[in-house]
Each structure stands twice: as structure tokens, then as C-alpha cells.
Protein backbone atom coordinates (compact mmCIF):
# COMPACT_ATOMS: atom_id res chain seq x y z
CA MET A 1 -21.12 -5.59 -28.48
CA LYS A 2 -17.27 -5.27 -28.27
CA LYS A 3 -15.86 -8.37 -26.56
CA ILE A 4 -13.33 -7.70 -23.84
CA MET A 5 -10.03 -10.09 -23.60
CA PRO A 6 -10.05 -12.10 -20.50
CA VAL A 7 -7.18 -10.86 -18.14
CA HIS A 8 -5.35 -13.97 -18.30
CA CYS A 9 -5.28 -13.75 -22.26
CA GLN A 10 -4.23 -10.05 -21.76
CA PHE A 11 -1.34 -11.12 -19.49
CA PHE A 12 -0.27 -13.74 -22.07
CA VAL A 13 -0.22 -11.54 -24.94
CA ILE A 14 2.04 -8.95 -22.60
CA LEU A 15 4.62 -11.98 -21.98
CA MET A 16 4.47 -12.50 -25.79
CA LEU A 17 5.35 -8.77 -26.52
CA VAL A 18 8.04 -8.62 -23.74
CA SER A 19 9.70 -11.90 -24.91
CA CYS A 20 10.23 -10.38 -28.39
CA LEU A 21 12.07 -7.24 -27.05
CA PRO A 22 15.99 -7.05 -26.95
CA ALA A 23 17.56 -7.98 -23.51
CA HIS A 24 18.31 -4.25 -22.29
CA ALA A 25 14.76 -3.39 -22.86
CA GLN A 26 13.58 -6.37 -20.79
CA ASN A 27 15.47 -5.33 -17.89
CA SER A 28 13.66 -2.20 -17.58
CA GLY A 29 10.82 -3.71 -16.08
CA ALA A 30 9.04 -6.97 -14.59
CA ILE A 31 5.87 -8.31 -15.04
CA VAL A 32 3.78 -10.85 -12.80
CA GLN A 33 0.34 -12.29 -12.53
CA ILE A 34 -0.96 -12.37 -8.95
CA ASP A 35 -4.53 -13.34 -7.61
CA SER A 36 -5.85 -9.71 -8.14
CA GLY A 37 -4.33 -8.69 -11.30
CA VAL A 38 -1.12 -8.00 -13.33
CA LEU A 39 1.85 -6.06 -11.79
CA GLN A 40 4.49 -4.12 -13.48
CA GLY A 41 7.84 -3.78 -11.26
CA VAL A 42 11.23 -2.64 -12.06
CA VAL A 43 14.58 -4.47 -12.67
CA GLU A 44 17.53 -2.82 -10.70
CA ASP A 45 21.09 -4.43 -10.40
CA GLY A 46 19.67 -7.96 -11.17
CA ILE A 47 16.89 -7.60 -8.60
CA GLU A 48 13.01 -7.44 -9.41
CA THR A 49 11.49 -4.91 -7.46
CA TYR A 50 7.67 -4.62 -6.46
CA ARG A 51 6.72 -1.67 -4.55
CA GLY A 52 3.41 -0.66 -2.82
CA ILE A 53 1.51 -3.94 -3.70
CA PRO A 54 -1.93 -3.93 -1.82
CA TYR A 55 -2.65 -7.04 0.24
CA ALA A 56 -5.85 -6.03 1.71
CA ARG A 57 -8.73 -3.27 0.74
CA PRO A 58 -7.70 0.11 2.30
CA PRO A 59 -9.22 -0.04 5.98
CA VAL A 60 -11.13 3.10 5.76
CA GLY A 61 -14.42 4.66 6.23
CA SER A 62 -16.66 1.40 7.45
CA LEU A 63 -13.57 -0.78 7.55
CA ARG A 64 -11.81 1.35 9.98
CA TRP A 65 -11.19 -1.15 12.96
CA ARG A 66 -12.32 -4.40 11.06
CA PRO A 67 -10.39 -7.19 10.01
CA PRO A 68 -8.49 -6.93 6.81
CA GLN A 69 -10.81 -7.30 3.59
CA PRO A 70 -9.75 -8.91 0.37
CA VAL A 71 -8.35 -6.93 -2.46
CA GLU A 72 -10.63 -5.59 -4.86
CA PRO A 73 -8.92 -7.05 -8.40
CA TRP A 74 -7.98 -4.79 -11.02
CA THR A 75 -8.18 -5.31 -14.93
CA ASP A 76 -5.59 -3.06 -16.13
CA LYS A 77 -1.75 -3.58 -15.51
CA ARG A 78 -1.03 -1.71 -11.87
CA ASP A 79 2.63 -0.17 -11.78
CA SER A 80 4.32 -1.13 -8.61
CA LEU A 81 7.09 1.17 -9.15
CA ASN A 82 6.35 3.37 -5.77
CA PHE A 83 5.95 2.61 -2.21
CA GLY A 84 2.55 3.02 -0.73
CA HIS A 85 1.63 5.36 1.93
CA ALA A 86 3.01 4.59 5.53
CA CYS A 87 0.33 4.17 8.13
CA PRO A 88 -0.39 7.27 10.13
CA GLN A 89 2.18 8.19 12.57
CA ARG A 90 4.05 11.28 14.32
CA ARG A 91 7.41 12.47 13.26
CA GLY A 92 10.73 13.60 15.12
CA LEU A 93 11.18 9.95 16.96
CA TYR A 94 13.37 8.64 13.93
CA PRO A 95 16.53 10.19 12.56
CA GLU A 96 16.01 13.03 10.00
CA TRP A 97 16.58 10.32 7.06
CA VAL A 98 13.52 8.34 8.11
CA ASP A 99 11.19 11.37 8.52
CA ALA A 100 12.29 12.49 5.07
CA HIS A 101 11.32 8.99 3.64
CA LEU A 102 7.91 9.08 5.37
CA ASP A 103 7.20 12.53 4.11
CA GLU A 104 8.05 11.58 0.58
CA VAL A 105 5.57 8.41 0.88
CA GLY A 106 2.79 10.37 2.86
CA ASP A 107 0.88 8.84 5.87
CA ASP A 108 -2.55 7.56 4.81
CA GLU A 109 -4.99 5.01 6.26
CA ASP A 110 -4.86 3.22 2.81
CA CYS A 111 -1.37 1.97 3.74
CA LEU A 112 -1.88 -1.91 3.90
CA THR A 113 0.73 -2.72 1.29
CA LEU A 114 3.75 -5.03 0.89
CA ASN A 115 7.30 -5.02 -1.01
CA ILE A 116 9.07 -7.58 -2.81
CA TRP A 117 12.54 -8.11 -4.05
CA THR A 118 13.64 -11.12 -5.86
CA PRO A 119 16.62 -12.06 -8.03
CA VAL A 120 16.22 -12.15 -11.79
CA GLU A 121 18.34 -15.22 -11.91
CA ARG A 122 16.42 -17.70 -9.89
CA GLY A 123 17.32 -20.85 -11.40
CA ASP A 124 14.89 -23.87 -11.48
CA HIS A 125 14.19 -24.14 -7.75
CA ALA A 126 11.73 -21.82 -5.83
CA LEU A 127 13.72 -19.33 -3.24
CA PRO A 128 13.38 -19.16 0.28
CA VAL A 129 11.16 -16.25 1.52
CA MET A 130 12.31 -13.80 4.18
CA PHE A 131 9.25 -11.92 5.68
CA TYR A 132 10.24 -8.84 7.76
CA ILE A 133 8.05 -7.02 10.19
CA HIS A 134 9.30 -3.45 10.92
CA GLY A 135 9.54 -2.40 14.70
CA GLY A 136 8.33 1.01 15.98
CA ASN A 137 6.67 0.37 19.24
CA PHE A 138 3.45 -0.48 17.42
CA GLN A 139 3.24 3.27 16.70
CA TYR A 140 5.86 4.29 14.16
CA GLY A 141 7.76 3.03 11.28
CA ALA A 142 7.28 1.23 7.72
CA GLY A 143 8.18 -1.51 5.70
CA SER A 144 9.57 1.01 2.90
CA ILE A 145 12.15 2.56 5.22
CA PRO A 146 15.32 2.72 3.27
CA VAL A 147 17.43 0.65 5.59
CA TYR A 148 14.82 -2.31 4.97
CA ASP A 149 15.61 -2.15 1.28
CA GLY A 150 15.55 -6.12 0.44
CA ARG A 151 18.01 -5.63 -2.67
CA TYR A 152 21.21 -6.96 -0.73
CA LEU A 153 19.32 -9.97 0.68
CA ALA A 154 17.63 -10.98 -2.54
CA SER A 155 21.40 -11.05 -4.26
CA GLN A 156 21.98 -13.70 -1.77
CA GLY A 157 19.26 -15.83 -2.98
CA VAL A 158 16.29 -15.29 -0.83
CA VAL A 159 12.94 -13.44 -1.75
CA LEU A 160 12.34 -10.56 0.80
CA VAL A 161 9.16 -9.07 1.84
CA THR A 162 8.63 -6.34 3.61
CA ILE A 163 5.14 -4.87 4.98
CA ASN A 164 2.94 -2.00 6.54
CA TYR A 165 0.36 -3.01 8.89
CA ARG A 166 -1.89 -0.86 11.12
CA ILE A 167 -0.38 0.96 13.97
CA GLY A 168 -1.31 3.00 16.94
CA TYR A 169 -5.08 3.65 17.72
CA LEU A 170 -5.86 2.57 14.32
CA GLY A 171 -4.02 -0.89 14.77
CA ARG A 172 -5.13 -1.61 18.29
CA PHE A 173 -8.39 -0.37 19.70
CA ALA A 174 -11.39 -1.45 21.62
CA HIS A 175 -14.45 -0.03 22.85
CA PRO A 176 -17.49 -1.71 24.49
CA ALA A 177 -19.60 -0.54 21.75
CA LEU A 178 -17.46 -2.23 18.84
CA SER A 179 -17.39 -5.45 20.96
CA ARG A 180 -21.25 -5.32 21.04
CA VAL A 181 -21.71 -4.42 17.49
CA GLN A 182 -18.88 -6.66 16.14
CA SER A 183 -19.21 -9.67 18.38
CA SER A 184 -18.91 -12.34 15.36
CA GLU A 185 -15.47 -11.23 14.49
CA PRO A 186 -11.92 -10.61 15.81
CA LEU A 187 -11.63 -7.33 17.79
CA ALA A 188 -8.67 -4.83 18.94
CA ASN A 189 -5.42 -6.32 17.28
CA TYR A 190 -5.93 -5.02 13.80
CA GLY A 191 -2.42 -4.83 13.28
CA ILE A 192 -1.78 -8.15 14.08
CA PHE A 193 -4.76 -9.37 12.01
CA ASP A 194 -3.12 -7.42 8.92
CA GLN A 195 0.29 -9.31 9.40
CA ILE A 196 -1.72 -12.76 9.09
CA ALA A 197 -3.47 -11.20 6.00
CA ALA A 198 -0.07 -10.48 4.59
CA LEU A 199 1.34 -13.82 5.15
CA GLU A 200 -1.51 -15.34 3.94
CA TRP A 201 -1.14 -13.15 0.66
CA VAL A 202 2.16 -14.67 0.78
CA GLN A 203 0.93 -18.05 0.32
CA ARG A 204 -1.16 -17.17 -2.36
CA ASN A 205 1.04 -15.14 -4.61
CA ILE A 206 4.75 -15.37 -3.76
CA GLY A 207 5.12 -18.41 -6.26
CA ALA A 208 4.98 -15.68 -9.07
CA PHE A 209 7.96 -14.05 -7.62
CA GLY A 210 10.07 -17.17 -7.70
CA GLY A 211 9.59 -17.60 -3.88
CA ASP A 212 8.61 -21.02 -1.96
CA ALA A 213 5.73 -20.73 -0.30
CA GLY A 214 6.65 -23.85 1.85
CA ASN A 215 9.84 -22.06 3.07
CA VAL A 216 8.80 -18.79 4.56
CA THR A 217 10.87 -17.16 7.61
CA ILE A 218 9.54 -14.16 9.60
CA PHE A 219 11.75 -12.07 11.38
CA GLY A 220 11.24 -8.78 12.81
CA HIS A 221 13.02 -6.46 15.46
CA SER A 222 11.65 -4.82 18.52
CA SER A 223 7.90 -4.62 18.11
CA GLY A 224 8.46 -6.55 15.02
CA GLY A 225 10.10 -9.25 17.32
CA VAL A 226 7.01 -9.14 19.78
CA ALA A 227 4.89 -9.73 16.41
CA VAL A 228 6.74 -12.57 15.96
CA ASN A 229 6.51 -14.08 19.05
CA VAL A 230 2.84 -13.44 18.87
CA LEU A 231 2.47 -14.99 15.60
CA MET A 232 4.04 -18.01 16.92
CA THR A 233 1.04 -18.34 19.12
CA THR A 234 -1.93 -17.37 16.84
CA PRO A 235 -4.21 -20.46 15.57
CA GLN A 236 -4.55 -18.38 12.13
CA SER A 237 -1.06 -17.95 11.55
CA LYS A 238 -0.58 -21.82 11.68
CA GLY A 239 1.18 -23.32 8.44
CA LEU A 240 1.83 -19.58 7.09
CA PHE A 241 5.53 -19.59 8.13
CA HIS A 242 8.27 -22.46 8.81
CA GLN A 243 11.08 -20.50 10.42
CA ALA A 244 10.83 -17.68 13.09
CA ILE A 245 13.60 -15.03 14.32
CA ALA A 246 12.52 -12.46 17.08
CA GLN A 247 15.13 -9.85 17.59
CA GLY A 248 14.78 -7.55 20.90
CA SER A 249 11.65 -8.54 21.77
CA GLY A 250 10.10 -7.26 24.89
CA ILE A 251 7.29 -9.25 26.23
CA LEU A 252 5.85 -9.51 30.10
CA LEU A 253 6.04 -12.87 31.47
CA ASP A 254 3.62 -12.12 34.45
CA VAL A 255 0.72 -10.46 32.41
CA THR A 256 -0.43 -9.12 28.96
CA GLN A 257 -2.87 -6.42 28.61
CA HIS A 258 -6.32 -7.69 27.90
CA ALA A 259 -8.69 -6.14 25.33
CA PHE A 260 -11.88 -6.79 27.70
CA GLU A 261 -10.54 -7.19 31.21
CA GLN A 262 -8.54 -5.52 34.02
CA GLY A 263 -5.44 -6.80 34.99
CA PRO A 264 -3.00 -6.29 37.90
CA PRO A 265 -1.37 -2.83 38.81
CA GLY A 266 1.06 -1.79 36.32
CA ALA A 267 1.13 -1.45 32.30
CA ALA A 268 -1.56 -4.27 32.17
CA GLU A 269 -4.00 -2.60 34.38
CA LYS A 270 -6.36 -1.06 32.17
CA SER A 271 -8.09 -3.15 29.48
CA ARG A 272 -8.14 -1.96 25.96
CA GLU A 273 -11.72 -1.42 26.19
CA ASN A 274 -10.97 0.93 29.40
CA MET A 275 -8.75 2.95 27.20
CA GLY A 276 -11.30 3.05 24.16
CA VAL A 277 -13.61 4.65 26.92
CA GLU A 278 -11.17 7.37 27.65
CA PHE A 279 -10.46 7.99 24.25
CA VAL A 280 -14.22 8.61 23.70
CA GLU A 281 -14.60 10.81 26.81
CA HIS A 282 -11.49 12.62 25.61
CA PHE A 283 -13.16 13.57 22.23
CA LYS A 284 -16.45 14.57 23.95
CA ILE A 285 -18.13 11.98 21.34
CA GLU A 286 -21.80 11.55 22.49
CA ALA A 287 -24.33 9.23 20.69
CA ASP A 288 -27.75 7.52 21.54
CA THR A 289 -26.62 3.99 20.01
CA ASP A 290 -23.77 1.96 19.61
CA GLU A 291 -23.93 2.22 15.71
CA GLU A 292 -24.18 6.07 16.28
CA LEU A 293 -21.07 6.01 18.26
CA ILE A 294 -19.11 3.85 15.94
CA ASP A 295 -19.98 6.03 12.82
CA ALA A 296 -18.91 9.15 14.69
CA LEU A 297 -15.36 7.37 15.80
CA ARG A 298 -15.16 6.45 11.96
CA ALA A 299 -15.75 9.79 10.98
CA MET A 300 -12.72 11.12 12.87
CA SER A 301 -9.67 12.36 11.34
CA TRP A 302 -6.47 10.11 11.79
CA GLU A 303 -4.70 13.19 12.39
CA SER A 304 -6.70 13.94 15.58
CA MET A 305 -5.87 10.23 16.60
CA VAL A 306 -2.07 10.54 16.21
CA GLU A 307 -2.10 13.85 17.92
CA TYR A 308 -3.90 12.22 21.00
CA GLN A 309 -1.62 9.43 20.59
CA THR A 310 1.43 11.49 21.02
CA LYS A 311 0.26 13.18 24.03
CA LYS A 312 -1.11 10.21 25.87
CA GLN A 313 1.89 7.69 25.02
CA VAL A 314 0.32 4.53 26.02
CA PRO A 315 1.33 1.07 25.20
CA PHE A 316 0.30 -0.57 21.78
CA ASN A 317 1.50 -4.04 22.39
CA PRO A 318 -0.78 -6.84 21.04
CA VAL A 319 -3.36 -7.63 23.92
CA VAL A 320 -5.19 -11.00 24.41
CA ASP A 321 -8.49 -10.83 22.46
CA GLU A 322 -9.48 -14.50 23.22
CA ARG A 323 -9.81 -15.25 19.35
CA VAL A 324 -6.60 -14.70 17.64
CA VAL A 325 -4.39 -13.86 20.84
CA ALA A 326 -6.06 -16.30 22.71
CA ASP A 327 -3.74 -15.99 25.55
CA HIS A 328 -0.55 -14.51 26.94
CA VAL A 329 2.59 -15.45 24.70
CA ALA A 330 4.52 -16.99 27.72
CA ARG A 331 1.51 -19.37 28.55
CA VAL A 332 1.17 -20.65 25.13
CA PHE A 333 4.95 -21.33 24.87
CA GLU A 334 4.61 -23.14 28.38
CA ARG A 335 1.92 -25.53 27.15
CA GLY A 336 3.76 -26.20 24.00
CA ALA A 337 1.19 -24.85 21.96
CA GLN A 338 3.31 -22.32 20.12
CA HIS A 339 3.98 -23.30 16.45
CA ASP A 340 6.33 -26.06 16.09
CA VAL A 341 8.94 -24.47 13.68
CA PRO A 342 12.80 -23.51 14.44
CA TYR A 343 13.13 -20.38 16.23
CA ILE A 344 15.68 -17.67 17.18
CA GLY A 345 15.57 -15.09 19.94
CA GLY A 346 17.84 -12.72 21.10
CA ALA A 347 18.38 -9.30 22.43
CA ASN A 348 21.37 -6.69 23.12
CA SER A 349 23.41 -5.92 26.01
CA TRP A 350 22.17 -2.10 26.22
CA GLU A 351 18.61 -2.38 25.65
CA TRP A 352 17.76 0.49 27.68
CA ASN A 353 19.32 2.91 25.42
CA GLN A 354 15.76 3.04 23.97
CA ILE A 355 14.78 5.19 26.98
CA ASP A 356 18.11 6.68 27.73
CA GLY A 357 17.15 9.96 25.53
CA ILE A 358 13.94 10.51 27.85
CA PRO A 359 14.34 13.52 29.85
CA LEU A 360 15.14 13.18 33.43
CA ILE A 361 11.57 13.69 34.71
CA GLY A 362 10.09 11.60 32.10
CA LYS A 363 12.34 8.67 33.31
CA TRP A 364 11.09 9.35 36.60
CA PHE A 365 7.43 8.83 35.68
CA LEU A 366 8.38 6.21 33.54
CA GLY A 367 10.32 4.23 36.04
CA GLY A 368 7.24 4.34 38.06
CA GLU A 369 5.15 2.70 35.37
CA PHE A 370 7.80 -0.04 35.13
CA ILE A 371 8.03 -1.00 38.44
CA ALA A 372 4.22 -0.39 39.54
CA GLY A 373 3.11 -3.09 41.36
CA LEU A 374 6.39 -4.73 42.25
CA THR A 375 7.00 -5.25 45.98
CA ASP A 376 10.49 -4.62 48.09
CA GLU A 377 11.01 -8.23 47.50
CA ASP A 378 11.05 -8.06 43.76
CA LEU A 379 13.44 -5.08 43.87
CA ALA A 380 15.62 -6.15 46.64
CA PRO A 381 18.74 -6.96 44.36
CA PHE A 382 18.77 -3.30 42.86
CA ASP A 383 18.01 -1.33 45.97
CA ASP A 384 21.51 -0.99 47.12
CA GLN A 385 22.93 0.87 43.96
CA TRP A 386 20.21 1.97 41.70
CA THR A 387 18.14 4.87 41.96
CA ARG A 388 14.17 4.58 40.74
CA ILE A 389 15.30 5.91 37.46
CA GLY A 390 18.21 3.05 37.12
CA LEU A 391 15.56 0.59 38.27
CA SER A 392 13.55 1.50 35.41
CA GLN A 393 16.60 1.03 32.97
CA ARG A 394 17.53 -2.38 34.62
CA TRP A 395 13.83 -3.73 34.60
CA PHE A 396 13.23 -2.40 31.40
CA ALA A 397 16.33 -4.24 29.84
CA GLU A 398 16.88 -6.90 31.75
CA GLY A 399 13.43 -8.21 32.73
CA LEU A 400 11.60 -7.24 29.52
CA PHE A 401 13.86 -8.18 26.89
CA LEU A 402 16.63 -10.44 28.45
CA THR A 403 14.48 -12.62 30.77
CA SER A 404 11.70 -12.98 28.37
CA THR A 405 13.69 -13.92 25.41
CA ARG A 406 15.68 -16.94 27.67
CA TYR A 407 12.39 -18.03 28.79
CA LEU A 408 10.61 -18.46 25.44
CA GLY A 409 13.69 -20.34 24.46
CA LYS A 410 13.34 -22.37 27.39
CA GLN A 411 10.03 -23.33 26.62
CA MET A 412 10.88 -24.40 23.00
CA ALA A 413 11.78 -27.45 24.80
CA ASN A 414 7.86 -28.32 24.80
CA VAL A 415 7.85 -28.70 20.94
CA ARG A 416 10.07 -30.75 18.45
CA SER A 417 11.98 -27.94 16.68
CA PRO A 418 14.98 -26.55 17.71
CA ALA A 419 15.59 -22.89 19.16
CA TRP A 420 18.89 -21.06 19.06
CA LEU A 421 19.46 -17.73 21.19
CA TYR A 422 21.83 -14.99 20.85
CA HIS A 423 23.13 -12.06 22.79
CA VAL A 424 24.54 -9.27 20.99
CA THR A 425 27.50 -7.21 22.95
CA TYR A 426 29.12 -5.71 19.67
CA VAL A 427 30.03 -2.28 19.83
CA GLN A 428 31.37 -0.73 16.74
CA THR A 429 34.67 -0.02 16.68
CA ASN A 430 34.36 3.93 16.59
CA LEU A 431 32.03 3.96 19.39
CA ARG A 432 34.04 1.65 21.98
CA GLY A 433 34.39 3.44 25.23
CA GLU A 434 31.65 5.95 24.77
CA VAL A 435 28.48 3.54 25.55
CA PRO A 436 28.03 0.96 27.97
CA GLY A 437 27.20 -1.97 25.33
CA ALA A 438 25.31 -2.97 22.25
CA GLY A 439 22.34 -0.83 21.46
CA HIS A 440 18.62 -1.93 20.81
CA GLY A 441 18.69 -3.19 17.13
CA ILE A 442 22.30 -2.61 16.35
CA GLU A 443 22.49 -5.66 14.11
CA VAL A 444 19.44 -4.48 11.65
CA PRO A 445 21.15 -2.36 9.12
CA PHE A 446 24.02 -5.01 9.07
CA ILE A 447 21.58 -7.93 8.37
CA PHE A 448 19.87 -5.83 5.43
CA GLY A 449 23.56 -5.05 4.00
CA HIS A 450 23.78 -1.48 3.55
CA VAL A 451 25.97 -0.31 6.20
CA GLY A 452 28.93 0.13 3.97
CA GLU A 453 27.01 2.24 1.28
CA HIS A 454 24.94 4.10 3.85
CA PRO A 455 26.82 4.41 7.34
CA GLN A 456 24.29 6.89 8.63
CA TRP A 457 21.64 4.08 8.81
CA GLN A 458 23.77 2.45 11.81
CA ARG A 459 22.44 2.48 15.33
CA PRO A 460 22.72 3.77 17.76
CA GLU A 461 22.50 7.51 17.29
CA GLN A 462 25.66 8.00 18.78
CA MET A 463 27.03 6.32 15.50
CA VAL A 464 25.90 9.35 13.52
CA GLY A 465 28.77 10.79 11.70
CA LYS A 466 31.27 8.11 12.82
CA ALA A 467 32.68 6.04 9.85
CA VAL A 468 32.15 2.14 10.00
CA THR A 469 35.38 0.06 9.93
CA ALA A 470 36.25 -3.25 8.03
CA GLU A 471 35.97 -5.11 11.46
CA ASP A 472 32.13 -3.75 11.81
CA LEU A 473 31.39 -5.02 8.44
CA ALA A 474 32.82 -8.49 8.88
CA TRP A 475 30.97 -8.47 12.16
CA GLY A 476 27.61 -7.69 10.05
CA GLN A 477 28.46 -10.23 7.55
CA SER A 478 28.58 -13.12 9.84
CA VAL A 479 25.14 -12.30 11.38
CA GLN A 480 23.66 -11.85 8.15
CA SER A 481 25.22 -15.22 7.22
CA TYR A 482 23.69 -16.68 9.98
CA TRP A 483 20.10 -15.41 9.07
CA LEU A 484 20.35 -16.41 5.40
CA ASN A 485 21.34 -19.99 6.41
CA PHE A 486 18.47 -19.92 8.88
CA ALA A 487 16.07 -18.77 6.25
CA LYS A 488 17.55 -21.47 3.57
CA THR A 489 17.92 -24.57 6.08
CA GLY A 490 15.97 -24.02 9.08
CA ASP A 491 19.77 -23.76 10.91
CA PRO A 492 21.93 -20.94 11.10
CA ASN A 493 25.17 -22.89 11.06
CA GLY A 494 27.19 -22.80 7.74
CA PRO A 495 30.61 -22.89 6.41
CA GLY A 496 32.85 -20.45 7.53
CA LEU A 497 30.83 -19.50 10.71
CA PRO A 498 31.70 -20.21 14.52
CA ASP A 499 29.32 -23.22 15.31
CA TRP A 500 26.07 -21.99 16.93
CA PRO A 501 24.92 -24.64 19.45
CA ARG A 502 21.19 -25.38 19.70
CA TYR A 503 19.51 -23.89 22.92
CA GLU A 504 18.94 -26.40 25.50
CA PRO A 505 17.52 -25.53 29.11
CA ALA A 506 20.03 -28.09 30.79
CA THR A 507 23.05 -26.37 28.79
CA ASP A 508 21.63 -22.76 28.78
CA LEU A 509 24.20 -22.26 25.86
CA VAL A 510 23.54 -18.70 24.13
CA MET A 511 25.63 -17.41 21.37
CA GLU A 512 27.46 -14.32 22.16
CA PHE A 513 27.56 -11.92 19.00
CA GLY A 514 30.55 -9.83 20.47
CA VAL A 515 34.03 -8.88 18.97
CA ASN A 516 34.11 -12.71 19.01
CA PHE A 517 31.17 -15.08 18.26
CA ARG A 518 31.15 -17.71 20.94
CA PRO A 519 28.74 -19.86 22.94
CA ARG A 520 28.40 -18.87 26.53
CA GLU A 521 27.03 -20.92 29.15
CA GLY A 522 24.56 -19.59 31.89
CA LEU A 523 24.86 -16.00 30.73
CA TYR A 524 23.61 -13.60 33.32
CA LYS A 525 22.01 -16.60 35.03
CA ASP A 526 21.53 -15.37 38.55
CA THR A 527 19.99 -12.01 37.38
CA LEU A 528 17.72 -13.92 34.82
CA ASP A 529 16.66 -16.56 37.21
CA TYR A 530 15.60 -14.18 39.61
CA LEU A 531 13.72 -11.89 37.37
CA GLU A 532 11.66 -14.97 36.01
CA GLU A 533 11.02 -16.01 39.58
CA ARG A 534 9.42 -12.97 40.56
CA ALA A 535 7.67 -12.56 37.50
CA LEU A 536 6.02 -15.87 37.78
CA ILE A 537 5.22 -15.29 41.16
CA ARG A 538 3.27 -11.93 40.55
CA ARG A 539 1.49 -14.01 37.60
CA GLN A 540 0.44 -16.60 40.29
CA ILE A 541 -0.84 -14.21 42.61
CA PHE A 542 -2.82 -12.02 39.83
CA LEU A 543 -4.08 -14.51 37.73
CA ARG A 544 -5.20 -17.31 40.07
């Protein structure tokens, strides 16, 4: 019988062969052994890059709407030269260059992959790890979108990881039949379960890429920032990361949608199970048993789900599932039960630019959704100057983003680890006078370091076709330096940067990222105090 060489021996032989090659040939690729097999990456400009690494089994067929399962090991060397598929989603919500990338990688349910950038020259010490969670309203996006390319951050002495996770109905779904049949396992928040599985993968494998599993910073923007705040509260993620940055994270302080129970009037009124029942009714799925219904749901094409999702436009934020997302994020922070790790949180001065492009009639109905269930007393400060549309914009920006950011920062006083809060007011040089403030996520392309090379990646959309200036680049360099310092040391401060004081409720100092970087005391204090008070009153009324 022919004997097969064990995988670890194969890997040893490969390493011996590579070591005998001339230097320029070694730079044509990179090889690592991880727990599921051998990976072949590529070296580009001094950075080893590994794309499309599976961190969980494809969640298809019987694994749709199941927690992520371990990867099946492979025996041959696996190429990791190309990105994996994006998780299924619609087009037309991002700039053309993003849609072009999504078309290039394609959509598929087989999408649970991650990407790694690490410097070739790593020295003797393991490097800090930065783990990025993309945004997109939990309905769009991918870790492979070009603006998240990790080469520049890796060149600054970190290992950068980006991930895909299930989104839309595939990432957030519940139905009474699933709850009965799969009662022994976590339900509904499948995208969050994916993120935890990816963090577990990092703990097992990042050392092979030169990363320090004991120094992992999670950071994310928009829904990625929401995910960061959720991961701060999930018991299963404890010990998987050591610093956290929530950028542009909008959470409700009064109530969070529940997987199984109805909530108060407004965005959280229907449970996720209620929405699952509506989903089944829409597609006219009939079955005699729970098992038959689940089989029929799993036999549906993901294309039909994305089409339905596009028409329905329902929220996909994580829901309380009582096992992983065990409670409302704000209440976990209030109890001091969040993970005790250094924390940065922040939002921008023009967060409502996210809904600025919605047609007028859409804003009218969206406004009604945002302010549903709010009393005249809730809305009193805005009645003299704001229409229903204006109300929705201000409630969206100041209530959902600014108020919740400050509130979670205040609750970090309940643990030992420090917190820092920021507020972006910077408007790019060639956009000043055209927009009312810093749009949602303008800092993201600057943090990843590609704005100078790719100015078309800037935000907001009004920057398309406008040149980036030296002042813009210097501003972005400062923000990036704060992030890198935080990942390396747990403190954003460092040489050459204005001092960023820790956030303390008593001093209420928030770092303004404007034309100048400066701490501001009591920023928007009266408005945020009022909105916080009204949210907590609503919670007291509806959750008692």
C-alpha cells in the first residue's frame, strides 16, 4: 500500500524547498500552516497577503440559519490569492467602483472567509492584530472592498484582518419553527455568530502570520461599529479581543428588537419571529410540519431573499436572542457587564447624510418610522423649527449616533478599563461650504491609508471628482496614528499628536477631530442630555 506523507511533514518539505530558492523567488509567495491546512499567499511590496481564507464551513443547505461550523481540513496546499465571494446582497447602494468589485468576486452563500495582511519583516516579537468589521446596515458590504485593503496598515507594524459575515435575511432570521426545532442552539443573530467564529479563528491561527493573539483590536464602522458594541457584551466573545473601537455606531438606548418578543411602538415593535412569519406568508410557503417548513425555507434561492429584502427594507441590527446577545447593549454597559477592555467610540457631525439622498416621499415615511411612539414632549425642542422630515434627520443623527456614543462612553466608568470619545467635524478642503458637516464615515478611507493614491474612495459622495489636499492627508494621518497607537498600546496617544484625554463623565471631554484636534467639554450637552433622558423614560415605560 502506498504511504501518504503526513501534512506536517509535507509542510516541512515545502519550507525546506522554499529556503533553497533565491531571494527574488521567495518574494513570489508566502506559505503558512494553519489548523485546517497549508495556505499559499503572495508577497506584494513587502506585505504578505492571504485572501479568501475560510474560517467556517459554507453555511449552505442544511447549514443555512445554523451557527457557523468548523472548516473541513484540506490536505493539498490551498491558494489564498483571490478574495472569497461576497455574501448575497443587492447592488446600486455603493459607488460604481464598489459594485464593480462585488461583481468581480461574485455573491454566494459560501462567503465565510477572511483576509490577512502582514509585513514580511516582523522582527522577533508578535505584532498587534487589527480586526476590521465592515459596515453596510447589516445588509451590504464585504471585507474585500478595495478601501479596506490592509497593505498600508500592515506596513505600520500590525497584522490586519478583514472578514465577511452573513448579512440580510441570511444573517438575521427567526421563525417559530426554527425556534422549536433548533431550541438547543443560538438563534437569529447568525452574522454576529460568524464574527465570533472569525475571532476564535484568529485566536487559533494568527500566530502563523506573525500576529499576537493576546493583543487583538476589533474596530468597525457603521453597522460594523454596532457589531463592535454588541461584541463588547456577548459572553462568547470574552477574551477574544483586547481593545475595541466603535465608529459611527447607532444603537437605541430605549429598546432593542427582540428575536422572540414584541416590543414597544417603533422600530423594535415586531419581533424577528414576527418578521419571519411575514416572510413565509409572502412566499406562500405551506408545510405540515416544522421540519418540512424549514426544508422549504432552506431550498429557497438566496436571490429571491435579496429581492424581497430590497422591497421590504426592514432593519437588520442584532436582536436580543437571550443566549449570545443576551440583553440590550445599553443595559449591559449600565451593569458594568461589558468586556473590561480599553474602548474608543465616536460619531460625526453630519451623520444624517446617510438618509440625505432618500427621495422626499421616502424621507416622509422614514421620518414617521424614526419618531413612531414618541410623544409631543419627546419632540418639543424641535417643534419650532423642524418639519417631520427634519425631525427624522435630527433624531437619526443626534439620538441614534451622538447620544448613544456618549452614553456608552459614560457607562465605561463601570469597569476599570479607560475610554476615549471623539467627534469628527472635519470637512475636506474642497468640500467646505457645500455640506453641513463631516459625513458618515469620512474617516474610514483615511484610516486605511489609501486616499492619496485613490481619492475616489473618499466619503461622502459629494467628494467624487474633487482632489484631496495636503491638509486632508495630514488630518487623516493623525486619525490613523491614533488608531495604530491604540492597537499597539491600548492608548491612542503618542508622539507628535495632540493629547487626547480619557473620557470621564464628570469632565465630559470629547476629542474633536476638526481642522484642529482639541478636547471639547460638554459637546452638545443640553441636546444629548435631553435625548438621553427621553430615551430612558421610554425604556422605563415600555420595559417595566
